[in-house]
Amino acid sequence: MSKLKKTVGGQAAAAESPRKKNFRLRQSKIDRARAVLGAETETETIERALDLVVFRSDLVEGVRAMRGTGLVNVVDEE
């Protein structure tokens, strides 16, 4: 487990330096994600997309932790 401090959106603290990675990715997916996310670069696109994956995981974990707490169901309309 990393000893990095978390900030808003699950991003690691600036103390962590980026590592160079090589991936085989479909350019069309990168282009679409870049447009959706409003990112300026492909690196920013991938960083934002990974942040969203981590954020989603945190949301799911939080919702699961709240199951059975007796709170009002905010998903289904009454």
PDB file of N, CA and C in Angstrom:
ATOM      1  N   MET A   1       0.838  -1.186   0.000  1.00  0.00           N
ATOM      2  CA  MET A   1       0.000   0.000   0.000  1.00  0.00           C
ATOM      3  C   MET A   1       0.879   1.244   0.000  1.00  0.00           C
ATOM      4  N   SER A   2       0.480   2.215  -0.767  1.00  0.00           N
ATOM      5  CA  SER A   2       1.253   3.438  -0.896  1.00  0.00           C
ATOM      6  C   SER A   2       1.131   4.295   0.360  1.00  0.00           C
ATOM      7  N   LYS A   3       2.187   5.009   0.662  1.00  0.00           N
ATOM      8  CA  LYS A   3       2.181   5.899   1.819  1.00  0.00           C
ATOM      9  C   LYS A   3       1.876   7.331   1.413  1.00  0.00           C
ATOM     10  N   LEU A   4       1.320   7.503   0.219  1.00  0.00           N
ATOM     11  CA  LEU A   4       1.027   8.835  -0.275  1.00  0.00           C
ATOM     12  C   LEU A   4      -0.237   9.374   0.353  1.00  0.00           C
ATOM     13  N   LYS A   5      -0.247  10.670   0.535  1.00  0.00           N
ATOM     14  CA  LYS A   5      -1.400  11.357   1.063  1.00  0.00           C
ATOM     15  C   LYS A   5      -2.423  11.524  -0.043  1.00  0.00           C
ATOM     16  N   LYS A   6      -3.701  11.301   0.252  1.00  0.00           N
ATOM     17  CA  LYS A   6      -4.747  11.479  -0.750  1.00  0.00           C
ATOM     18  C   LYS A   6      -5.271  12.911  -0.695  1.00  0.00           C
ATOM     19  N   THR A   7      -5.666  13.413  -1.854  1.00  0.00           N
ATOM     20  CA  THR A   7      -6.289  14.721  -1.945  1.00  0.00           C
ATOM     21  C   THR A   7      -7.653  14.545  -2.582  1.00  0.00           C
ATOM     22  N   VAL A   8      -8.338  15.650  -2.857  1.00  0.00           N
ATOM     23  CA  VAL A   8      -9.666  15.598  -3.457  1.00  0.00           C
ATOM     24  C   VAL A   8      -9.618  14.827  -4.767  1.00  0.00           C
ATOM     25  N   GLY A   9     -10.586  13.941  -4.982  1.00  0.00           N
ATOM     26  CA  GLY A   9     -10.656  13.171  -6.212  1.00  0.00           C
ATOM     27  C   GLY A   9      -9.752  11.961  -6.222  1.00  0.00           C
ATOM     28  N   GLY A  10      -9.166  11.637  -5.082  1.00  0.00           N
ATOM     29  CA  GLY A  10      -8.328  10.457  -5.001  1.00  0.00           C
ATOM     30  C   GLY A  10      -6.947  10.622  -5.592  1.00  0.00           C
ATOM     31  N   GLN A  11      -6.592  11.849  -5.981  1.00  0.00           N
ATOM     32  CA  GLN A  11      -5.282  12.069  -6.567  1.00  0.00           C
ATOM     33  C   GLN A  11      -4.205  11.995  -5.504  1.00  0.00           C
ATOM     34  N   ALA A  12      -3.086  11.402  -5.861  1.00  0.00           N
ATOM     35  CA  ALA A  12      -1.961  11.295  -4.943  1.00  0.00           C
ATOM     36  C   ALA A  12      -1.320  12.661  -4.764  1.00  0.00           C
ATOM     37  N   ALA A  13      -0.683  12.841  -3.640  1.00  0.00           N
ATOM     38  CA  ALA A  13       0.002  14.100  -3.356  1.00  0.00           C
ATOM     39  C   ALA A  13       1.083  14.351  -4.399  1.00  0.00           C
ATOM     40  N   ALA A  14       1.423  15.612  -4.590  1.00  0.00           N
ATOM     41  CA  ALA A  14       2.385  16.000  -5.617  1.00  0.00           C
ATOM     42  C   ALA A  14       3.769  15.407  -5.379  1.00  0.00           C
ATOM     43  N   ALA A  15       4.028  14.866  -4.208  1.00  0.00           N
ATOM     44  CA  ALA A  15       5.338  14.303  -3.899  1.00  0.00           C
ATOM     45  C   ALA A  15       5.642  13.086  -4.761  1.00  0.00           C
ATOM     46  N   GLU A  16       4.624  12.444  -5.301  1.00  0.00           N
ATOM     47  CA  GLU A  16       4.838  11.285  -6.155  1.00  0.00           C
ATOM     48  C   GLU A  16       5.167  11.758  -7.565  1.00  0.00           C
ATOM     49  N   SER A  17       6.288  11.308  -8.080  1.00  0.00           N
ATOM     50  CA  SER A  17       6.645  11.704  -9.439  1.00  0.00           C
ATOM     51  C   SER A  17       6.081  10.681 -10.430  1.00  0.00           C
ATOM     52  N   PRO A  18       5.653  11.165 -11.591  1.00  0.00           N
ATOM     53  CA  PRO A  18       5.088  10.262 -12.594  1.00  0.00           C
ATOM     54  C   PRO A  18       6.146   9.298 -13.133  1.00  0.00           C
ATOM     55  N   ARG A  19       5.687   8.141 -13.553  1.00  0.00           N
ATOM     56  CA  ARG A  19       6.559   7.154 -14.179  1.00  0.00           C
ATOM     57  C   ARG A  19       6.199   7.052 -15.648  1.00  0.00           C
ATOM     58  N   LYS A  20       7.198   6.838 -16.455  1.00  0.00           N
ATOM     59  CA  LYS A  20       6.958   6.660 -17.885  1.00  0.00           C
ATOM     60  C   LYS A  20       6.388   5.264 -18.097  1.00  0.00           C
ATOM     61  N   LYS A  21       5.299   5.179 -18.843  1.00  0.00           N
ATOM     62  CA  LYS A  21       4.625   3.912 -19.131  1.00  0.00           C
ATOM     63  C   LYS A  21       4.375   3.801 -20.631  1.00  0.00           C
ATOM     64  N   ASN A  22       4.342   2.600 -21.100  1.00  0.00           N
ATOM     65  CA  ASN A  22       4.008   2.336 -22.501  1.00  0.00           C
ATOM     66  C   ASN A  22       2.809   1.405 -22.549  1.00  0.00           C
ATOM     67  N   PHE A  23       1.738   1.872 -23.205  1.00  0.00           N
ATOM     68  CA  PHE A  23       0.521   1.089 -23.332  1.00  0.00           C
ATOM     69  C   PHE A  23       0.083   1.063 -24.785  1.00  0.00           C
ATOM     70  N   ARG A  24      -0.590   0.010 -25.153  1.00  0.00           N
ATOM     71  CA  ARG A  24      -1.224  -0.066 -26.466  1.00  0.00           C
ATOM     72  C   ARG A  24      -2.702   0.227 -26.260  1.00  0.00           C
ATOM     73  N   LEU A  25      -3.119   1.430 -26.632  1.00  0.00           N
ATOM     74  CA  LEU A  25      -4.487   1.882 -26.430  1.00  0.00           C
ATOM     75  C   LEU A  25      -5.088   2.315 -27.754  1.00  0.00           C
ATOM     76  N   ARG A  26      -6.388   2.156 -27.874  1.00  0.00           N
ATOM     77  CA  ARG A  26      -7.074   2.590 -29.086  1.00  0.00           C
ATOM     78  C   ARG A  26      -7.141   4.114 -29.095  1.00  0.00           C
ATOM     79  N   GLN A  27      -6.638   4.706 -30.161  1.00  0.00           N
ATOM     80  CA  GLN A  27      -6.606   6.168 -30.268  1.00  0.00           C
ATOM     81  C   GLN A  27      -8.012   6.748 -30.213  1.00  0.00           C
ATOM     82  N   SER A  28      -8.976   6.035 -30.808  1.00  0.00           N
ATOM     83  CA  SER A  28     -10.358   6.540 -30.816  1.00  0.00           C
ATOM     84  C   SER A  28     -10.905   6.671 -29.386  1.00  0.00           C
ATOM     85  N   LYS A  29     -10.533   5.740 -28.505  1.00  0.00           N
ATOM     86  CA  LYS A  29     -10.986   5.823 -27.107  1.00  0.00           C
ATOM     87  C   LYS A  29     -10.341   7.001 -26.396  1.00  0.00           C
ATOM     88  N   ILE A  30      -9.058   7.201 -26.640  1.00  0.00           N
ATOM     89  CA  ILE A  30      -8.361   8.333 -26.025  1.00  0.00           C
ATOM     90  C   ILE A  30      -8.973   9.641 -26.510  1.00  0.00           C
ATOM     91  N   ASP A  31      -9.219   9.739 -27.816  1.00  0.00           N
ATOM     92  CA  ASP A  31      -9.805  10.959 -28.382  1.00  0.00           C
ATOM     93  C   ASP A  31     -11.184  11.245 -27.806  1.00  0.00           C
ATOM     94  N   ARG A  32     -12.004  10.200 -27.683  1.00  0.00           N
ATOM     95  CA  ARG A  32     -13.360  10.388 -27.144  1.00  0.00           C
ATOM     96  C   ARG A  32     -13.299  10.785 -25.671  1.00  0.00           C
ATOM     97  N   ALA A  33     -12.475  10.085 -24.892  1.00  0.00           N
ATOM     98  CA  ALA A  33     -12.332  10.412 -23.474  1.00  0.00           C
ATOM     99  C   ALA A  33     -11.801  11.829 -23.298  1.00  0.00           C
ATOM    100  N   ARG A  34     -10.858  12.214 -24.148  1.00  0.00           N
ATOM    101  CA  ARG A  34     -10.283  13.560 -24.063  1.00  0.00           C
ATOM    102  C   ARG A  34     -11.353  14.615 -24.287  1.00  0.00           C
ATOM    103  N   ALA A  35     -12.218  14.378 -25.270  1.00  0.00           N
ATOM    104  CA  ALA A  35     -13.302  15.317 -25.548  1.00  0.00           C
ATOM    105  C   ALA A  35     -14.299  15.367 -24.395  1.00  0.00           C
ATOM    106  N   VAL A  36     -14.677  14.211 -23.886  1.00  0.00           N
ATOM    107  CA  VAL A  36     -15.652  14.143 -22.789  1.00  0.00           C
ATOM    108  C   VAL A  36     -15.103  14.818 -21.535  1.00  0.00           C
ATOM    109  N   LEU A  37     -13.836  14.577 -21.237  1.00  0.00           N
ATOM    110  CA  LEU A  37     -13.226  15.101 -20.017  1.00  0.00           C
ATOM    111  C   LEU A  37     -12.722  16.532 -20.171  1.00  0.00           C
ATOM    112  N   GLY A  38     -12.640  17.011 -21.398  1.00  0.00           N
ATOM    113  CA  GLY A  38     -12.143  18.365 -21.629  1.00  0.00           C
ATOM    114  C   GLY A  38     -10.659  18.500 -21.319  1.00  0.00           C
ATOM    115  N   ALA A  39      -9.927  17.422 -21.486  1.00  0.00           N
ATOM    116  CA  ALA A  39      -8.496  17.425 -21.187  1.00  0.00           C
ATOM    117  C   ALA A  39      -7.713  18.014 -22.356  1.00  0.00           C
ATOM    118  N   GLU A  40      -6.582  18.619 -22.043  1.00  0.00           N
ATOM    119  CA  GLU A  40      -5.760  19.227 -23.087  1.00  0.00           C
ATOM    120  C   GLU A  40      -4.761  18.247 -23.690  1.00  0.00           C
ATOM    121  N   THR A  41      -4.333  17.268 -22.920  1.00  0.00           N
ATOM    122  CA  THR A  41      -3.333  16.322 -23.410  1.00  0.00           C
ATOM    123  C   THR A  41      -3.819  14.889 -23.187  1.00  0.00           C
ATOM    124  N   GLU A  42      -3.156  13.960 -23.853  1.00  0.00           N
ATOM    125  CA  GLU A  42      -3.497  12.557 -23.657  1.00  0.00           C
ATOM    126  C   GLU A  42      -3.141  12.104 -22.247  1.00  0.00           C
ATOM    127  N   THR A  43      -2.043  12.603 -21.723  1.00  0.00           N
ATOM    128  CA  THR A  43      -1.654  12.255 -20.345  1.00  0.00           C
ATOM    129  C   THR A  43      -2.701  12.745 -19.355  1.00  0.00           C
ATOM    130  N   GLU A  44      -3.148  13.969 -19.520  1.00  0.00           N
ATOM    131  CA  GLU A  44      -4.194  14.515 -18.646  1.00  0.00           C
ATOM    132  C   GLU A  44      -5.473  13.690 -18.770  1.00  0.00           C
ATOM    133  N   THR A  45      -5.785  13.252 -19.978  1.00  0.00           N
ATOM    134  CA  THR A  45      -6.966  12.420 -20.220  1.00  0.00           C
ATOM    135  C   THR A  45      -6.893  11.137 -19.409  1.00  0.00           C
ATOM    136  N   ILE A  46      -5.772  10.460 -19.483  1.00  0.00           N
ATOM    137  CA  ILE A  46      -5.617   9.196 -18.774  1.00  0.00           C
ATOM    138  C   ILE A  46      -5.612   9.416 -17.270  1.00  0.00           C
ATOM    139  N   GLU A  47      -4.946  10.474 -16.798  1.00  0.00           N
ATOM    140  CA  GLU A  47      -4.950  10.791 -15.361  1.00  0.00           C
ATOM    141  C   GLU A  47      -6.372  11.027 -14.860  1.00  0.00           C
ATOM    142  N   ARG A  48      -7.131  11.829 -15.590  1.00  0.00           N
ATOM    143  CA  ARG A  48      -8.513  12.124 -15.180  1.00  0.00           C
ATOM    144  C   ARG A  48      -9.371  10.866 -15.200  1.00  0.00           C
ATOM    145  N   ALA A  49      -9.208  10.054 -16.234  1.00  0.00           N
ATOM    146  CA  ALA A  49      -9.988   8.818 -16.330  1.00  0.00           C
ATOM    147  C   ALA A  49      -9.675   7.892 -15.158  1.00  0.00           C
ATOM    148  N   LEU A  50      -8.408   7.773 -14.799  1.00  0.00           N
ATOM    149  CA  LEU A  50      -8.033   6.928 -13.661  1.00  0.00           C
ATOM    150  C   LEU A  50      -8.574   7.508 -12.351  1.00  0.00           C
ATOM    151  N   ASP A  51      -8.559   8.840 -12.222  1.00  0.00           N
ATOM    152  CA  ASP A  51      -9.145   9.474 -11.037  1.00  0.00           C
ATOM    153  C   ASP A  51     -10.626   9.137 -10.921  1.00  0.00           C
ATOM    154  N   LEU A  52     -11.334   9.118 -12.052  1.00  0.00           N
ATOM    155  CA  LEU A  52     -12.755   8.779 -12.038  1.00  0.00           C
ATOM    156  C   LEU A  52     -12.993   7.334 -11.623  1.00  0.00           C
ATOM    157  N   VAL A  53     -12.117   6.441 -12.043  1.00  0.00           N
ATOM    158  CA  VAL A  53     -12.241   5.034 -11.640  1.00  0.00           C
ATOM    159  C   VAL A  53     -12.080   4.904 -10.131  1.00  0.00           C
ATOM    160  N   VAL A  54     -11.089   5.590  -9.574  1.00  0.00           N
ATOM    161  CA  VAL A  54     -10.847   5.544  -8.129  1.00  0.00           C
ATOM    162  C   VAL A  54     -12.026   6.185  -7.386  1.00  0.00           C
ATOM    163  N   PHE A  55     -12.518   7.311  -7.897  1.00  0.00           N
ATOM    164  CA  PHE A  55     -13.652   7.996  -7.276  1.00  0.00           C
ATOM    165  C   PHE A  55     -14.884   7.109  -7.278  1.00  0.00           C
ATOM    166  N   ARG A  56     -15.146   6.426  -8.406  1.00  0.00           N
ATOM    167  CA  ARG A  56     -16.282   5.509  -8.486  1.00  0.00           C
ATOM    168  C   ARG A  56     -16.167   4.413  -7.440  1.00  0.00           C
ATOM    169  N   SER A  57     -14.978   3.874  -7.303  1.00  0.00           N
ATOM    170  CA  SER A  57     -14.753   2.823  -6.310  1.00  0.00           C
ATOM    171  C   SER A  57     -15.043   3.341  -4.900  1.00  0.00           C
ATOM    172  N   ASP A  58     -14.592   4.560  -4.614  1.00  0.00           N
ATOM    173  CA  ASP A  58     -14.859   5.160  -3.301  1.00  0.00           C
ATOM    174  C   ASP A  58     -16.358   5.354  -3.080  1.00  0.00           C
ATOM    175  N   LEU A  59     -17.076   5.788  -4.121  1.00  0.00           N
ATOM    176  CA  LEU A  59     -18.532   5.959  -4.012  1.00  0.00           C
ATOM    177  C   LEU A  59     -19.233   4.635  -3.742  1.00  0.00           C
ATOM    178  N   VAL A  60     -18.880   3.612  -4.498  1.00  0.00           N
ATOM    179  CA  VAL A  60     -19.497   2.294  -4.323  1.00  0.00           C
ATOM    180  C   VAL A  60     -19.220   1.779  -2.910  1.00  0.00           C
ATOM    181  N   GLU A  61     -17.997   1.936  -2.461  1.00  0.00           N
ATOM    182  CA  GLU A  61     -17.636   1.493  -1.109  1.00  0.00           C
ATOM    183  C   GLU A  61     -18.460   2.238  -0.056  1.00  0.00           C
ATOM    184  N   GLY A  62     -18.646   3.533  -0.257  1.00  0.00           N
ATOM    185  CA  GLY A  62     -19.430   4.331   0.682  1.00  0.00           C
ATOM    186  C   GLY A  62     -20.896   3.931   0.703  1.00  0.00           C
ATOM    187  N   VAL A  63     -21.456   3.691  -0.474  1.00  0.00           N
ATOM    188  CA  VAL A  63     -22.859   3.270  -0.555  1.00  0.00           C
ATOM    189  C   VAL A  63     -23.037   1.910   0.111  1.00  0.00           C
ATOM    190  N   ARG A  64     -22.124   0.997  -0.149  1.00  0.00           N
ATOM    191  CA  ARG A  64     -22.210  -0.322   0.482  1.00  0.00           C
ATOM    192  C   ARG A  64     -22.117  -0.215   1.999  1.00  0.00           C
ATOM    193  N   ALA A  65     -21.291   0.685   2.481  1.00  0.00           N
ATOM    194  CA  ALA A  65     -21.144   0.866   3.927  1.00  0.00           C
ATOM    195  C   ALA A  65     -22.423   1.427   4.550  1.00  0.00           C
ATOM    196  N   MET A  66     -23.217   2.142   3.747  1.00  0.00           N
ATOM    197  CA  MET A  66     -24.442   2.753   4.269  1.00  0.00           C
ATOM    198  C   MET A  66     -25.638   1.814   4.220  1.00  0.00           C
ATOM    199  N   ARG A  67     -25.512   0.677   3.542  1.00  0.00           N
ATOM    200  CA  ARG A  67     -26.630  -0.267   3.472  1.00  0.00           C
ATOM    201  C   ARG A  67     -27.109  -0.632   4.862  1.00  0.00           C
ATOM    202  N   GLY A  68     -28.422  -0.638   5.017  1.00  0.00           N
ATOM    203  CA  GLY A  68     -29.005  -1.049   6.284  1.00  0.00           C
ATOM    204  C   GLY A  68     -28.936  -0.009   7.381  1.00  0.00           C
ATOM    205  N   THR A  69     -28.558   1.219   7.042  1.00  0.00           N
ATOM    206  CA  THR A  69     -28.462   2.252   8.074  1.00  0.00           C
ATOM    207  C   THR A  69     -29.798   2.932   8.343  1.00  0.00           C
ATOM    208  N   GLY A  70     -30.811   2.623   7.513  1.00  0.00           N
ATOM    209  CA  GLY A  70     -32.129   3.216   7.718  1.00  0.00           C
ATOM    210  C   GLY A  70     -32.282   4.583   7.081  1.00  0.00           C
ATOM    211  N   LEU A  71     -31.317   4.993   6.272  1.00  0.00           N
ATOM    212  CA  LEU A  71     -31.432   6.275   5.589  1.00  0.00           C
ATOM    213  C   LEU A  71     -32.435   6.167   4.459  1.00  0.00           C
ATOM    214  N   VAL A  72     -32.989   7.277   4.048  1.00  0.00           N
ATOM    215  CA  VAL A  72     -33.959   7.314   2.958  1.00  0.00           C
ATOM    216  C   VAL A  72     -33.273   6.907   1.671  1.00  0.00           C
ATOM    217  N   ASN A  73     -33.968   6.130   0.859  1.00  0.00           N
ATOM    218  CA  ASN A  73     -33.441   5.708  -0.429  1.00  0.00           C
ATOM    219  C   ASN A  73     -33.515   6.902  -1.387  1.00  0.00           C
ATOM    220  N   VAL A  74     -32.374   7.450  -1.755  1.00  0.00           N
ATOM    221  CA  VAL A  74     -32.352   8.621  -2.629  1.00  0.00           C
ATOM    222  C   VAL A  74     -32.285   8.250  -4.090  1.00  0.00           C
ATOM    223  N   VAL A  75     -32.214   6.959  -4.404  1.00  0.00           N
ATOM    224  CA  VAL A  75     -32.103   6.521  -5.788  1.00  0.00           C
ATOM    225  C   VAL A  75     -33.476   6.322  -6.414  1.00  0.00           C
ATOM    226  N   ASP A  76     -34.361   5.628  -5.729  1.00  0.00           N
ATOM    227  CA  ASP A  76     -35.696   5.356  -6.266  1.00  0.00           C
ATOM    228  C   ASP A  76     -36.647   6.494  -5.904  1.00  0.00           C
ATOM    229  N   GLU A  77     -37.497   6.833  -6.874  1.00  0.00           N
ATOM    230  CA  GLU A  77     -38.502   7.851  -6.605  1.00  0.00           C
ATOM    231  C   GLU A  77     -39.637   7.229  -5.806  1.00  0.00           C
ATOM    232  N   GLU A  78     -40.205   8.007  -4.948  1.00  0.00           N
ATOM    233  CA  GLU A  78     -41.298   7.508  -4.107  1.00  0.00           C
ATOM    234  C   GLU A  78     -42.629   7.797  -4.721  1.00  0.00           C
TER     235      GLU A  78
END
